[in-house]
């Protein structure tokens, strides 16, 4: 029973780290999957395999070596020269997504609640700062609550759309978007690599803390199943409401308007929760790369990183998702290959 619950927590932490503002808004899912039409459903299957396999592999590395950050793993695998380069790459990507999450929270509060962009971004930043101070266990607790709610909302939106419109509208829109395209498969690989690369900062210490391989394997599979189910649900929903939903900065907000007033508020909470869960995971991974021996210096470092990310987030949410995510996907492919096919043999756990 305890092992099953721990596997569930690991799966939730995995999902919560991957799913963020880009996913919940519909922007990220459309860019990497839905815009390729009905082939998206098959490419999601490829992404599921990559999420399950690579997610477990990274947690296994954390369990074998007890490493808790990219920096520690890179040192063990590649030595000081490559470590410096890889650390810089990882820090850039983590910082970029931290910027995107803060920008997403500001856009959400402005568009859906009528607050100012700054109020939304700063309130999210403050709550994230407190959570990260709790460490990896704080992330587990937060995601155990948030992730089931997120999954439930996304699946309900897809079910409501199916019930209201049937499947033919989505299939017709998907067919109109295009036929077979090799870029759709490449896009799925980039999506998986990008998200797994960024999630490694949480998956490695999870593996180091949990250690049990069966629990980690089950957690990776549960996380991959949840992610694939939500990708399919959002793709179907976006196809049904295409092209009108794409006129919004947050396409799923258009969908939420068709679910009734209560679900519109539910959408606001779910989207914010997804922003928060990813922001917490990425910030934890980022600061773990930079942490010192002093707790107070680490607290100050976390605050400085958040304030810098807040400053850069003023460029806007859509711009970060459109340009930075694809670039990070390409960079992550090389990073994942470097981590999973190391030059030296791993010691037995």
C-alpha atoms as a PDB file:
ATOM      1  CA  UNK A   1       0.000   0.000   0.000  1.00  0.00           C
ATOM      2  CA  UNK A   2       2.782   2.414   0.953  1.00  0.00           C
ATOM      3  CA  UNK A   3       4.707   1.568  -2.221  1.00  0.00           C
ATOM      4  CA  UNK A   4       1.634   2.234  -4.351  1.00  0.00           C
ATOM      5  CA  UNK A   5       1.046   5.596  -2.691  1.00  0.00           C
ATOM      6  CA  UNK A   6       4.702   6.565  -3.155  1.00  0.00           C
ATOM      7  CA  UNK A   7       4.531   5.544  -6.830  1.00  0.00           C
ATOM      8  CA  UNK A   8       1.462   7.754  -7.186  1.00  0.00           C
ATOM      9  CA  UNK A   9       3.327  10.677  -5.615  1.00  0.00           C
ATOM     10  CA  UNK A  10       6.286  10.160  -7.948  1.00  0.00           C
ATOM     11  CA  UNK A  11       3.947  10.070 -10.951  1.00  0.00           C
ATOM     12  CA  UNK A  12       2.216  13.256  -9.797  1.00  0.00           C
ATOM     13  CA  UNK A  13       5.543  15.051  -9.304  1.00  0.00           C
ATOM     14  CA  UNK A  14       6.566  13.978 -12.818  1.00  0.00           C
ATOM     15  CA  UNK A  15       3.336  15.277 -14.370  1.00  0.00           C
ATOM     16  CA  UNK A  16       3.377  18.458 -12.330  1.00  0.00           C
ATOM     17  CA  UNK A  17       6.908  19.296 -13.446  1.00  0.00           C
ATOM     18  CA  UNK A  18       6.093  18.764 -17.142  1.00  0.00           C
ATOM     19  CA  UNK A  19       2.659  20.392 -17.259  1.00  0.00           C
ATOM     20  CA  UNK A  20       2.740  24.160 -17.075  1.00  0.00           C
ATOM     21  CA  UNK A  21       1.261  27.324 -18.506  1.00  0.00           C
ATOM     22  CA  UNK A  22       2.097  26.386 -22.092  1.00  0.00           C
ATOM     23  CA  UNK A  23       0.314  23.046 -21.753  1.00  0.00           C
ATOM     24  CA  UNK A  24      -2.788  24.197 -19.889  1.00  0.00           C
ATOM     25  CA  UNK A  25      -3.280  27.236 -22.105  1.00  0.00           C
ATOM     26  CA  UNK A  26      -3.284  25.003 -25.181  1.00  0.00           C
ATOM     27  CA  UNK A  27      -0.452  26.945 -26.816  1.00  0.00           C
ATOM     28  CA  UNK A  28       2.206  24.304 -26.228  1.00  0.00           C
ATOM     29  CA  UNK A  29      -0.031  21.369 -27.260  1.00  0.00           C
ATOM     30  CA  UNK A  30      -1.077  23.120 -30.472  1.00  0.00           C
ATOM     31  CA  UNK A  31       2.491  24.037 -31.431  1.00  0.00           C
ATOM     32  CA  UNK A  32       3.907  20.536 -30.905  1.00  0.00           C
ATOM     33  CA  UNK A  33       0.907  18.298 -31.704  1.00  0.00           C
ATOM     34  CA  UNK A  34      -2.519  19.649 -32.706  1.00  0.00           C
ATOM     35  CA  UNK A  35      -1.334  21.729 -35.657  1.00  0.00           C
ATOM     36  CA  UNK A  36      -0.273  18.529 -37.440  1.00  0.00           C
ATOM     37  CA  UNK A  37      -3.863  17.300 -37.614  1.00  0.00           C
ATOM     38  CA  UNK A  38      -5.035  13.790 -36.778  1.00  0.00           C
ATOM     39  CA  UNK A  39      -1.498  12.402 -36.897  1.00  0.00           C
ATOM     40  CA  UNK A  40      -1.080  14.098 -33.523  1.00  0.00           C
ATOM     41  CA  UNK A  41      -2.810  11.185 -31.802  1.00  0.00           C
ATOM     42  CA  UNK A  42      -0.167   8.744 -33.052  1.00  0.00           C
ATOM     43  CA  UNK A  43       2.705  11.057 -32.212  1.00  0.00           C
ATOM     44  CA  UNK A  44       1.361  11.316 -28.653  1.00  0.00           C
ATOM     45  CA  UNK A  45       1.858   7.529 -28.435  1.00  0.00           C
ATOM     46  CA  UNK A  46       5.540   8.027 -29.287  1.00  0.00           C
ATOM     47  CA  UNK A  47       5.784  10.724 -26.635  1.00  0.00           C
ATOM     48  CA  UNK A  48       4.258   8.343 -24.073  1.00  0.00           C
ATOM     49  CA  UNK A  49       6.992   5.763 -24.733  1.00  0.00           C
ATOM     50  CA  UNK A  50       9.710   8.398 -24.407  1.00  0.00           C
ATOM     51  CA  UNK A  51       8.228   9.821 -21.209  1.00  0.00           C
ATOM     52  CA  UNK A  52       7.972   6.378 -19.577  1.00  0.00           C
ATOM     53  CA  UNK A  53      11.407   5.149 -20.631  1.00  0.00           C
ATOM     54  CA  UNK A  54      13.489   8.307 -20.227  1.00  0.00           C
ATOM     55  CA  UNK A  55      11.708   9.400 -17.046  1.00  0.00           C
ATOM     56  CA  UNK A  56      12.506   6.103 -15.352  1.00  0.00           C
ATOM     57  CA  UNK A  57      16.061   6.114 -16.696  1.00  0.00           C
ATOM     58  CA  UNK A  58      16.799   9.496 -15.125  1.00  0.00           C
ATOM     59  CA  UNK A  59      15.285   8.515 -11.773  1.00  0.00           C
ATOM     60  CA  UNK A  60      17.325   5.312 -11.921  1.00  0.00           C
ATOM     61  CA  UNK A  61      20.497   7.370 -12.354  1.00  0.00           C
ATOM     62  CA  UNK A  62      19.539   9.386  -9.284  1.00  0.00           C
ATOM     63  CA  UNK A  63      18.944   6.177  -7.316  1.00  0.00           C
ATOM     64  CA  UNK A  64      22.226   4.536  -8.401  1.00  0.00           C
ATOM     65  CA  UNK A  65      24.511   7.435  -7.688  1.00  0.00           C
ATOM     66  CA  UNK A  66      22.542   9.446  -5.140  1.00  0.00           C
ATOM     67  CA  UNK A  67      22.956  12.595  -7.243  1.00  0.00           C
ATOM     68  CA  UNK A  68      20.503  15.420  -6.579  1.00  0.00           C
ATOM     69  CA  UNK A  69      21.237  17.854  -9.397  1.00  0.00           C
ATOM     70  CA  UNK A  70      22.399  18.026 -12.994  1.00  0.00           C
ATOM     71  CA  UNK A  71      25.702  19.454 -11.769  1.00  0.00           C
ATOM     72  CA  UNK A  72      26.515  16.403  -9.651  1.00  0.00           C
ATOM     73  CA  UNK A  73      25.566  14.008 -12.454  1.00  0.00           C
ATOM     74  CA  UNK A  74      27.543  15.905 -15.069  1.00  0.00           C
ATOM     75  CA  UNK A  75      30.624  15.875 -12.834  1.00  0.00           C
ATOM     76  CA  UNK A  76      30.429  12.106 -12.439  1.00  0.00           C
ATOM     77  CA  UNK A  77      29.917  11.471 -16.144  1.00  0.00           C
ATOM     78  CA  UNK A  78      31.898  14.053 -18.068  1.00  0.00           C
ATOM     79  CA  UNK A  79      34.501  15.784 -15.916  1.00  0.00           C
ATOM     80  CA  UNK A  80      34.998  19.525 -15.335  1.00  0.00           C
ATOM     81  CA  UNK A  81      35.223  20.705 -18.959  1.00  0.00           C
ATOM     82  CA  UNK A  82      31.919  19.295 -20.224  1.00  0.00           C
ATOM     83  CA  UNK A  83      30.262  19.908 -16.858  1.00  0.00           C
ATOM     84  CA  UNK A  84      30.683  23.664 -17.191  1.00  0.00           C
ATOM     85  CA  UNK A  85      29.129  23.665 -20.663  1.00  0.00           C
ATOM     86  CA  UNK A  86      26.232  21.374 -19.738  1.00  0.00           C
ATOM     87  CA  UNK A  87      25.547  23.275 -16.513  1.00  0.00           C
ATOM     88  CA  UNK A  88      25.302  26.517 -18.480  1.00  0.00           C
ATOM     89  CA  UNK A  89      22.918  24.888 -20.956  1.00  0.00           C
ATOM     90  CA  UNK A  90      20.668  23.475 -18.244  1.00  0.00           C
ATOM     91  CA  UNK A  91      20.616  26.728 -16.283  1.00  0.00           C
ATOM     92  CA  UNK A  92      19.636  28.655 -19.410  1.00  0.00           C
ATOM     93  CA  UNK A  93      16.730  26.313 -20.159  1.00  0.00           C
ATOM     94  CA  UNK A  94      15.484  26.201 -16.581  1.00  0.00           C
ATOM     95  CA  UNK A  95      15.660  29.962 -16.332  1.00  0.00           C
ATOM     96  CA  UNK A  96      13.827  30.334 -19.653  1.00  0.00           C
ATOM     97  CA  UNK A  97      10.923  28.161 -18.505  1.00  0.00           C
ATOM     98  CA  UNK A  98      10.833  29.916 -15.131  1.00  0.00           C
ATOM     99  CA  UNK A  99      10.405  33.151 -17.082  1.00  0.00           C
ATOM    100  CA  UNK A 100       7.624  31.556 -19.169  1.00  0.00           C
ATOM    101  CA  UNK A 101       5.725  30.374 -16.081  1.00  0.00           C
ATOM    102  CA  UNK A 102       5.859  33.791 -14.421  1.00  0.00           C
ATOM    103  CA  UNK A 103       4.757  35.425 -17.679  1.00  0.00           C
ATOM    104  CA  UNK A 104       1.940  32.869 -17.981  1.00  0.00           C
ATOM    105  CA  UNK A 105       0.658  33.648 -14.492  1.00  0.00           C
ATOM    106  CA  UNK A 106       0.640  37.361 -15.270  1.00  0.00           C
ATOM    107  CA  UNK A 107      -1.252  36.787 -18.543  1.00  0.00           C
ATOM    108  CA  UNK A 108      -3.779  34.544 -16.783  1.00  0.00           C
ATOM    109  CA  UNK A 109      -4.604  37.041 -14.058  1.00  0.00           C
ATOM    110  CA  UNK A 110      -4.866  39.867 -16.587  1.00  0.00           C
ATOM    111  CA  UNK A 111      -7.037  38.046 -19.162  1.00  0.00           C
ATOM    112  CA  UNK A 112      -9.293  35.976 -16.912  1.00  0.00           C
ATOM    113  CA  UNK A 113      -9.521  37.896 -13.622  1.00  0.00           C
ATOM    114  CA  UNK A 114      -9.009  41.467 -14.729  1.00  0.00           C
ATOM    115  CA  UNK A 115      -6.041  41.955 -12.416  1.00  0.00           C
ATOM    116  CA  UNK A 116      -2.876  43.656 -13.535  1.00  0.00           C
ATOM    117  CA  UNK A 117      -0.147  41.515 -15.098  1.00  0.00           C
ATOM    118  CA  UNK A 118       2.254  42.537 -12.346  1.00  0.00           C
ATOM    119  CA  UNK A 119      -0.094  41.542  -9.509  1.00  0.00           C
ATOM    120  CA  UNK A 120      -0.591  38.047 -10.961  1.00  0.00           C
ATOM    121  CA  UNK A 121       3.097  37.477 -11.597  1.00  0.00           C
ATOM    122  CA  UNK A 122       4.236  38.753  -8.196  1.00  0.00           C
ATOM    123  CA  UNK A 123       1.632  36.800  -6.192  1.00  0.00           C
ATOM    124  CA  UNK A 124       2.577  33.557  -7.973  1.00  0.00           C
ATOM    125  CA  UNK A 125       6.257  34.319  -7.470  1.00  0.00           C
ATOM    126  CA  UNK A 126       5.739  34.774  -3.710  1.00  0.00           C
ATOM    127  CA  UNK A 127       3.856  31.478  -3.206  1.00  0.00           C
ATOM    128  CA  UNK A 128       6.462  29.618  -5.263  1.00  0.00           C
ATOM    129  CA  UNK A 129       9.281  31.056  -3.164  1.00  0.00           C
ATOM    130  CA  UNK A 130       7.748  29.682   0.062  1.00  0.00           C
ATOM    131  CA  UNK A 131       7.107  26.224  -1.456  1.00  0.00           C
ATOM    132  CA  UNK A 132      10.649  25.790  -2.779  1.00  0.00           C
ATOM    133  CA  UNK A 133      12.054  26.411   0.696  1.00  0.00           C
ATOM    134  CA  UNK A 134      10.401  23.106   1.756  1.00  0.00           C
ATOM    135  CA  UNK A 135      12.579  21.161  -0.690  1.00  0.00           C
ATOM    136  CA  UNK A 136      11.673  18.036  -2.686  1.00  0.00           C
ATOM    137  CA  UNK A 137       9.076  16.881  -0.138  1.00  0.00           C
ATOM    138  CA  UNK A 138       7.258  20.179  -0.555  1.00  0.00           C
ATOM    139  CA  UNK A 139       7.073  19.517  -4.297  1.00  0.00           C
ATOM    140  CA  UNK A 140       5.678  16.015  -3.695  1.00  0.00           C
ATOM    141  CA  UNK A 141       2.975  17.315  -1.350  1.00  0.00           C
ATOM    142  CA  UNK A 142       1.950  20.151  -3.643  1.00  0.00           C
ATOM    143  CA  UNK A 143       1.703  17.970  -6.746  1.00  0.00           C
ATOM    144  CA  UNK A 144      -0.198  15.171  -4.981  1.00  0.00           C
ATOM    145  CA  UNK A 145      -3.085  17.633  -4.617  1.00  0.00           C
ATOM    146  CA  UNK A 146      -2.719  19.712  -7.779  1.00  0.00           C
ATOM    147  CA  UNK A 147      -2.082  17.051 -10.425  1.00  0.00           C
ATOM    148  CA  UNK A 148      -5.274  14.958  -9.936  1.00  0.00           C
ATOM    149  CA  UNK A 149      -7.314  18.180 -10.124  1.00  0.00           C
ATOM    150  CA  UNK A 150      -5.502  19.209 -13.315  1.00  0.00           C
ATOM    151  CA  UNK A 151      -6.037  15.819 -14.953  1.00  0.00           C
ATOM    152  CA  UNK A 152      -9.690  15.811 -13.919  1.00  0.00           C
ATOM    153  CA  UNK A 153     -10.371  19.228 -15.434  1.00  0.00           C
ATOM    154  CA  UNK A 154      -8.640  18.503 -18.744  1.00  0.00           C
ATOM    155  CA  UNK A 155     -10.397  15.154 -19.146  1.00  0.00           C
ATOM    156  CA  UNK A 156     -13.747  16.683 -18.183  1.00  0.00           C
ATOM    157  CA  UNK A 157     -13.295  19.435 -20.790  1.00  0.00           C
ATOM    158  CA  UNK A 158     -12.626  16.795 -23.456  1.00  0.00           C
ATOM    159  CA  UNK A 159     -15.607  14.677 -22.331  1.00  0.00           C
ATOM    160  CA  UNK A 160     -17.909  17.716 -22.312  1.00  0.00           C
ATOM    161  CA  UNK A 161     -16.681  18.658 -25.791  1.00  0.00           C
ATOM    162  CA  UNK A 162     -17.316  15.109 -27.044  1.00  0.00           C
ATOM    163  CA  UNK A 163     -20.769  15.067 -25.454  1.00  0.00           C
ATOM    164  CA  UNK A 164     -21.662  18.466 -26.934  1.00  0.00           C
ATOM    165  CA  UNK A 165     -20.105  18.212 -30.396  1.00  0.00           C
ATOM    166  CA  UNK A 166     -19.301  14.530 -30.996  1.00  0.00           C
ATOM    167  CA  UNK A 167     -16.061  13.367 -32.569  1.00  0.00           C
ATOM    168  CA  UNK A 168     -16.695  14.261 -36.213  1.00  0.00           C
ATOM    169  CA  UNK A 169     -16.027  17.987 -35.795  1.00  0.00           C
ATOM    170  CA  UNK A 170     -12.620  17.332 -34.254  1.00  0.00           C
ATOM    171  CA  UNK A 171     -11.751  14.698 -36.875  1.00  0.00           C
ATOM    172  CA  UNK A 172     -12.779  16.981 -39.745  1.00  0.00           C
ATOM    173  CA  UNK A 173     -10.735  19.879 -38.379  1.00  0.00           C
ATOM    174  CA  UNK A 174      -7.775  17.579 -37.834  1.00  0.00           C
ATOM    175  CA  UNK A 175      -8.001  16.298 -41.410  1.00  0.00           C
ATOM    176  CA  UNK A 176      -8.124  19.861 -42.723  1.00  0.00           C
ATOM    177  CA  UNK A 177      -4.978  20.785 -40.811  1.00  0.00           C
ATOM    178  CA  UNK A 178      -2.879  18.359 -42.845  1.00  0.00           C
ATOM    179  CA  UNK A 179      -1.924  14.801 -43.719  1.00  0.00           C
ATOM    180  CA  UNK A 180       1.188  12.745 -43.016  1.00  0.00           C
ATOM    181  CA  UNK A 181       4.113  14.953 -42.071  1.00  0.00           C
ATOM    182  CA  UNK A 182       7.487  13.785 -40.786  1.00  0.00           C
ATOM    183  CA  UNK A 183       7.762  17.034 -38.881  1.00  0.00           C
ATOM    184  CA  UNK A 184       4.949  15.840 -36.617  1.00  0.00           C
ATOM    185  CA  UNK A 185       7.102  12.943 -35.394  1.00  0.00           C
ATOM    186  CA  UNK A 186      10.136  15.157 -34.963  1.00  0.00           C
ATOM    187  CA  UNK A 187       7.985  17.625 -33.030  1.00  0.00           C
ATOM    188  CA  UNK A 188       6.885  14.849 -30.650  1.00  0.00           C
ATOM    189  CA  UNK A 189      10.506  13.873 -30.003  1.00  0.00           C
ATOM    190  CA  UNK A 190      11.466  17.504 -29.377  1.00  0.00           C
ATOM    191  CA  UNK A 191       8.545  17.912 -26.980  1.00  0.00           C
ATOM    192  CA  UNK A 192       9.528  14.838 -24.969  1.00  0.00           C
ATOM    193  CA  UNK A 193      13.220  15.758 -24.932  1.00  0.00           C
ATOM    194  CA  UNK A 194      12.523  19.328 -23.879  1.00  0.00           C
ATOM    195  CA  UNK A 195      10.235  18.364 -21.010  1.00  0.00           C
ATOM    196  CA  UNK A 196      12.307  15.440 -19.781  1.00  0.00           C
ATOM    197  CA  UNK A 197      15.457  17.535 -19.945  1.00  0.00           C
ATOM    198  CA  UNK A 198      13.858  20.176 -17.749  1.00  0.00           C
ATOM    199  CA  UNK A 199      12.255  17.590 -15.449  1.00  0.00           C
ATOM    200  CA  UNK A 200      15.593  15.935 -14.732  1.00  0.00           C
ATOM    201  CA  UNK A 201      16.286  18.502 -12.027  1.00  0.00           C
ATOM    202  CA  UNK A 202      13.344  17.021 -10.096  1.00  0.00           C
ATOM    203  CA  UNK A 203      13.564  13.396 -11.307  1.00  0.00           C
ATOM    204  CA  UNK A 204      17.194  12.945 -10.223  1.00  0.00           C
ATOM    205  CA  UNK A 205      16.630  13.914  -6.560  1.00  0.00           C
ATOM    206  CA  UNK A 206      13.371  11.926  -6.571  1.00  0.00           C
ATOM    207  CA  UNK A 207      15.351   8.850  -7.549  1.00  0.00           C
ATOM    208  CA  UNK A 208      17.974   9.627  -4.898  1.00  0.00           C
ATOM    209  CA  UNK A 209      15.292   9.950  -2.201  1.00  0.00           C
ATOM    210  CA  UNK A 210      13.021   7.025  -3.153  1.00  0.00           C
ATOM    211  CA  UNK A 211      15.710   4.554  -4.310  1.00  0.00           C
ATOM    212  CA  UNK A 212      13.310   1.622  -4.841  1.00  0.00           C
ATOM    213  CA  UNK A 213      13.440   0.765  -8.571  1.00  0.00           C
ATOM    214  CA  UNK A 214       9.962  -0.771  -8.699  1.00  0.00           C
ATOM    215  CA  UNK A 215       8.412   2.340  -7.176  1.00  0.00           C
ATOM    216  CA  UNK A 216      10.311   4.579  -9.583  1.00  0.00           C
ATOM    217  CA  UNK A 217       9.326   2.467 -12.605  1.00  0.00           C
ATOM    218  CA  UNK A 218       5.669   2.508 -11.605  1.00  0.00           C
ATOM    219  CA  UNK A 219       5.843   6.256 -10.982  1.00  0.00           C
ATOM    220  CA  UNK A 220       7.383   6.875 -14.414  1.00  0.00           C
ATOM    221  CA  UNK A 221       4.678   4.809 -16.133  1.00  0.00           C
ATOM    222  CA  UNK A 222       1.873   6.512 -14.179  1.00  0.00           C
ATOM    223  CA  UNK A 223       3.322   9.908 -15.071  1.00  0.00           C
ATOM    224  CA  UNK A 224       3.623   8.984 -18.752  1.00  0.00           C
ATOM    225  CA  UNK A 225       0.038   7.659 -18.859  1.00  0.00           C
ATOM    226  CA  UNK A 226      -1.303  10.848 -17.277  1.00  0.00           C
ATOM    227  CA  UNK A 227       0.670  13.081 -19.623  1.00  0.00           C
ATOM    228  CA  UNK A 228      -0.361  11.162 -22.746  1.00  0.00           C
ATOM    229  CA  UNK A 229      -4.039  11.152 -21.713  1.00  0.00           C
ATOM    230  CA  UNK A 230      -3.991  14.916 -21.197  1.00  0.00           C
ATOM    231  CA  UNK A 231      -2.173  15.536 -24.492  1.00  0.00           C
ATOM    232  CA  UNK A 232      -4.841  13.562 -26.358  1.00  0.00           C
ATOM    233  CA  UNK A 233      -7.657  15.314 -24.466  1.00  0.00           C
ATOM    234  CA  UNK A 234      -6.322  18.825 -25.179  1.00  0.00           C
ATOM    235  CA  UNK A 235      -5.577  17.990 -28.835  1.00  0.00           C
ATOM    236  CA  UNK A 236      -9.124  16.691 -29.346  1.00  0.00           C
ATOM    237  CA  UNK A 237     -10.600  19.753 -27.651  1.00  0.00           C
ATOM    238  CA  UNK A 238      -8.513  22.198 -29.684  1.00  0.00           C
ATOM    239  CA  UNK A 239      -9.438  20.436 -32.929  1.00  0.00           C
ATOM    240  CA  UNK A 240     -13.122  20.679 -32.034  1.00  0.00           C
ATOM    241  CA  UNK A 241     -12.954  24.421 -31.425  1.00  0.00           C
ATOM    242  CA  UNK A 242     -10.503  25.155 -34.246  1.00  0.00           C
ATOM    243  CA  UNK A 243      -9.900  27.824 -35.558  1.00  0.00           C
ATOM    244  CA  UNK A 244     -11.795  30.099 -33.142  1.00  0.00           C
ATOM    245  CA  UNK A 245      -9.820  29.008 -30.055  1.00  0.00           C
ATOM    246  CA  UNK A 246      -6.548  30.010 -31.717  1.00  0.00           C
ATOM    247  CA  UNK A 247      -7.648  33.634 -31.681  1.00  0.00           C
ATOM    248  CA  UNK A 248      -6.927  33.641 -27.939  1.00  0.00           C
ATOM    249  CA  UNK A 249      -3.558  33.967 -26.222  1.00  0.00           C
ATOM    250  CA  UNK A 250      -4.877  31.165 -23.969  1.00  0.00           C
ATOM    251  CA  UNK A 251      -6.852  28.919 -26.400  1.00  0.00           C
ATOM    252  CA  UNK A 252      -8.260  26.686 -23.658  1.00  0.00           C
ATOM    253  CA  UNK A 253      -9.822  29.791 -22.109  1.00  0.00           C
ATOM    254  CA  UNK A 254     -12.130  29.919 -25.128  1.00  0.00           C
ATOM    255  CA  UNK A 255     -13.086  26.307 -24.456  1.00  0.00           C
ATOM    256  CA  UNK A 256     -13.731  27.052 -20.787  1.00  0.00           C
ATOM    257  CA  UNK A 257     -16.285  29.686 -21.782  1.00  0.00           C
ATOM    258  CA  UNK A 258     -18.422  26.858 -23.220  1.00  0.00           C
ATOM    259  CA  UNK A 259     -18.338  24.838 -19.999  1.00  0.00           C
ATOM    260  CA  UNK A 260     -20.404  27.189 -17.848  1.00  0.00           C
ATOM    261  CA  UNK A 261     -19.482  29.854 -15.252  1.00  0.00           C
ATOM    262  CA  UNK A 262     -18.346  27.367 -12.587  1.00  0.00           C
ATOM    263  CA  UNK A 263     -15.959  25.617 -14.966  1.00  0.00           C
ATOM    264  CA  UNK A 264     -14.578  28.948 -16.171  1.00  0.00           C
ATOM    265  CA  UNK A 265     -13.441  29.626 -12.602  1.00  0.00           C
ATOM    266  CA  UNK A 266     -12.246  26.052 -12.373  1.00  0.00           C
ATOM    267  CA  UNK A 267     -10.153  26.603 -15.477  1.00  0.00           C
ATOM    268  CA  UNK A 268      -8.543  29.680 -13.939  1.00  0.00           C
ATOM    269  CA  UNK A 269      -7.563  27.649 -10.871  1.00  0.00           C
ATOM    270  CA  UNK A 270      -6.301  24.692 -12.926  1.00  0.00           C
ATOM    271  CA  UNK A 271      -4.222  26.838 -15.237  1.00  0.00           C
ATOM    272  CA  UNK A 272      -2.706  28.705 -12.309  1.00  0.00           C
ATOM    273  CA  UNK A 273      -2.021  25.411 -10.515  1.00  0.00           C
ATOM    274  CA  UNK A 274      -0.205  24.067 -13.566  1.00  0.00           C
ATOM    275  CA  UNK A 275       1.864  27.237 -13.790  1.00  0.00           C
ATOM    276  CA  UNK A 276       2.668  26.948 -10.090  1.00  0.00           C
ATOM    277  CA  UNK A 277       3.600  23.241 -10.160  1.00  0.00           C
ATOM    278  CA  UNK A 278       6.007  23.646 -13.067  1.00  0.00           C
ATOM    279  CA  UNK A 279       7.450  26.851 -11.668  1.00  0.00           C
ATOM    280  CA  UNK A 280       8.147  25.142  -8.343  1.00  0.00           C
ATOM    281  CA  UNK A 281       9.860  22.174 -10.004  1.00  0.00           C
ATOM    282  CA  UNK A 282      11.989  24.274 -12.341  1.00  0.00           C
ATOM    283  CA  UNK A 283      12.990  26.750  -9.655  1.00  0.00           C
ATOM    284  CA  UNK A 284      13.979  23.907  -7.312  1.00  0.00           C
ATOM    285  CA  UNK A 285      16.114  22.341 -10.054  1.00  0.00           C
ATOM    286  CA  UNK A 286      17.657  25.677 -10.975  1.00  0.00           C
ATOM    287  CA  UNK A 287      18.625  26.669  -7.439  1.00  0.00           C
ATOM    288  CA  UNK A 288      19.923  23.141  -6.748  1.00  0.00           C
ATOM    289  CA  UNK A 289      22.499  23.810  -9.469  1.00  0.00           C
ATOM    290  CA  UNK A 290      23.667  26.954  -7.671  1.00  0.00           C
ATOM    291  CA  UNK A 291      23.170  26.144  -3.993  1.00  0.00           C
ATOM    292  CA  UNK A 292      25.823  26.839  -1.378  1.00  0.00           C
ATOM    293  CA  UNK A 293      26.499  25.416   2.087  1.00  0.00           C
ATOM    294  CA  UNK A 294      24.653  28.294   3.735  1.00  0.00           C
ATOM    295  CA  UNK A 295      20.857  28.059   4.082  1.00  0.00           C
ATOM    296  CA  UNK A 296      20.471  31.830   4.197  1.00  0.00           C
ATOM    297  CA  UNK A 297      22.538  32.288   1.070  1.00  0.00           C
ATOM    298  CA  UNK A 298      20.383  29.679  -0.664  1.00  0.00           C
ATOM    299  CA  UNK A 299      17.241  31.557   0.367  1.00  0.00           C
ATOM    300  CA  UNK A 300      18.706  34.805  -0.949  1.00  0.00           C
ATOM    301  CA  UNK A 301      19.770  33.048  -4.165  1.00  0.00           C
ATOM    302  CA  UNK A 302      16.236  31.734  -4.720  1.00  0.00           C
ATOM    303  CA  UNK A 303      14.828  35.227  -4.261  1.00  0.00           C
ATOM    304  CA  UNK A 304      17.336  36.752  -6.689  1.00  0.00           C
ATOM    305  CA  UNK A 305      16.601  34.131  -9.373  1.00  0.00           C
ATOM    306  CA  UNK A 306      12.856  34.759  -9.064  1.00  0.00           C
ATOM    307  CA  UNK A 307      13.263  38.522  -9.303  1.00  0.00           C
ATOM    308  CA  UNK A 308      15.508  38.217 -12.373  1.00  0.00           C
ATOM    309  CA  UNK A 309      12.999  35.881 -14.026  1.00  0.00           C
ATOM    310  CA  UNK A 310      10.205  38.316 -13.198  1.00  0.00           C
ATOM    311  CA  UNK A 311      12.129  41.128 -14.890  1.00  0.00           C
ATOM    312  CA  UNK A 312      12.689  39.119 -18.089  1.00  0.00           C
ATOM    313  CA  UNK A 313       9.062  37.883 -18.094  1.00  0.00           C
ATOM    314  CA  UNK A 314       7.934  41.350 -19.196  1.00  0.00           C
ATOM    315  CA  UNK A 315       8.566  40.242 -22.826  1.00  0.00           C
ATOM    316  CA  UNK A 316       5.295  38.265 -22.694  1.00  0.00           C
ATOM    317  CA  UNK A 317       4.107  34.674 -22.457  1.00  0.00           C
ATOM    318  CA  UNK A 318       3.326  33.848 -26.111  1.00  0.00           C
ATOM    319  CA  UNK A 319       6.757  34.962 -27.328  1.00  0.00           C
ATOM    320  CA  UNK A 320       8.540  32.662 -24.864  1.00  0.00           C
ATOM    321  CA  UNK A 321       6.417  29.613 -25.802  1.00  0.00           C
ATOM    322  CA  UNK A 322       6.672  30.214 -29.548  1.00  0.00           C
ATOM    323  CA  UNK A 323      10.419  30.692 -29.842  1.00  0.00           C
ATOM    324  CA  UNK A 324      12.235  29.514 -26.729  1.00  0.00           C
ATOM    325  CA  UNK A 325      10.472  26.150 -26.304  1.00  0.00           C
ATOM    326  CA  UNK A 326      11.391  24.866 -29.774  1.00  0.00           C
ATOM    327  CA  UNK A 327      15.007  25.975 -29.344  1.00  0.00           C
ATOM    328  CA  UNK A 328      15.174  24.294 -25.941  1.00  0.00           C
ATOM    329  CA  UNK A 329      13.734  21.127 -27.496  1.00  0.00           C
ATOM    330  CA  UNK A 330      16.652  20.864 -29.907  1.00  0.00           C
ATOM    331  CA  UNK A 331      19.166  21.556 -27.147  1.00  0.00           C
ATOM    332  CA  UNK A 332      17.526  18.954 -24.909  1.00  0.00           C
ATOM    333  CA  UNK A 333      17.890  16.188 -27.505  1.00  0.00           C
ATOM    334  CA  UNK A 334      21.655  16.430 -27.243  1.00  0.00           C
ATOM    335  CA  UNK A 335      21.511  16.777 -23.483  1.00  0.00           C
ATOM    336  CA  UNK A 336      19.359  13.669 -23.031  1.00  0.00           C
ATOM    337  CA  UNK A 337      21.602  11.623 -25.344  1.00  0.00           C
ATOM    338  CA  UNK A 338      24.651  12.745 -23.379  1.00  0.00           C
ATOM    339  CA  UNK A 339      23.055  11.725 -20.073  1.00  0.00           C
ATOM    340  CA  UNK A 340      21.606   8.394 -21.155  1.00  0.00           C
ATOM    341  CA  UNK A 341      24.586   7.110 -23.078  1.00  0.00           C
ATOM    342  CA  UNK A 342      27.468   8.054 -20.769  1.00  0.00           C
ATOM    343  CA  UNK A 343      31.079   7.412 -21.620  1.00  0.00           C
ATOM    344  CA  UNK A 344      31.751   5.327 -18.555  1.00  0.00           C
ATOM    345  CA  UNK A 345      29.823   2.408 -17.166  1.00  0.00           C
ATOM    346  CA  UNK A 346      27.471   3.109 -14.300  1.00  0.00           C
ATOM    347  CA  UNK A 347      28.232   1.302 -11.064  1.00  0.00           C
ATOM    348  CA  UNK A 348      25.785  -1.285  -9.809  1.00  0.00           C
ATOM    349  CA  UNK A 349      23.207   0.025  -7.313  1.00  0.00           C
END
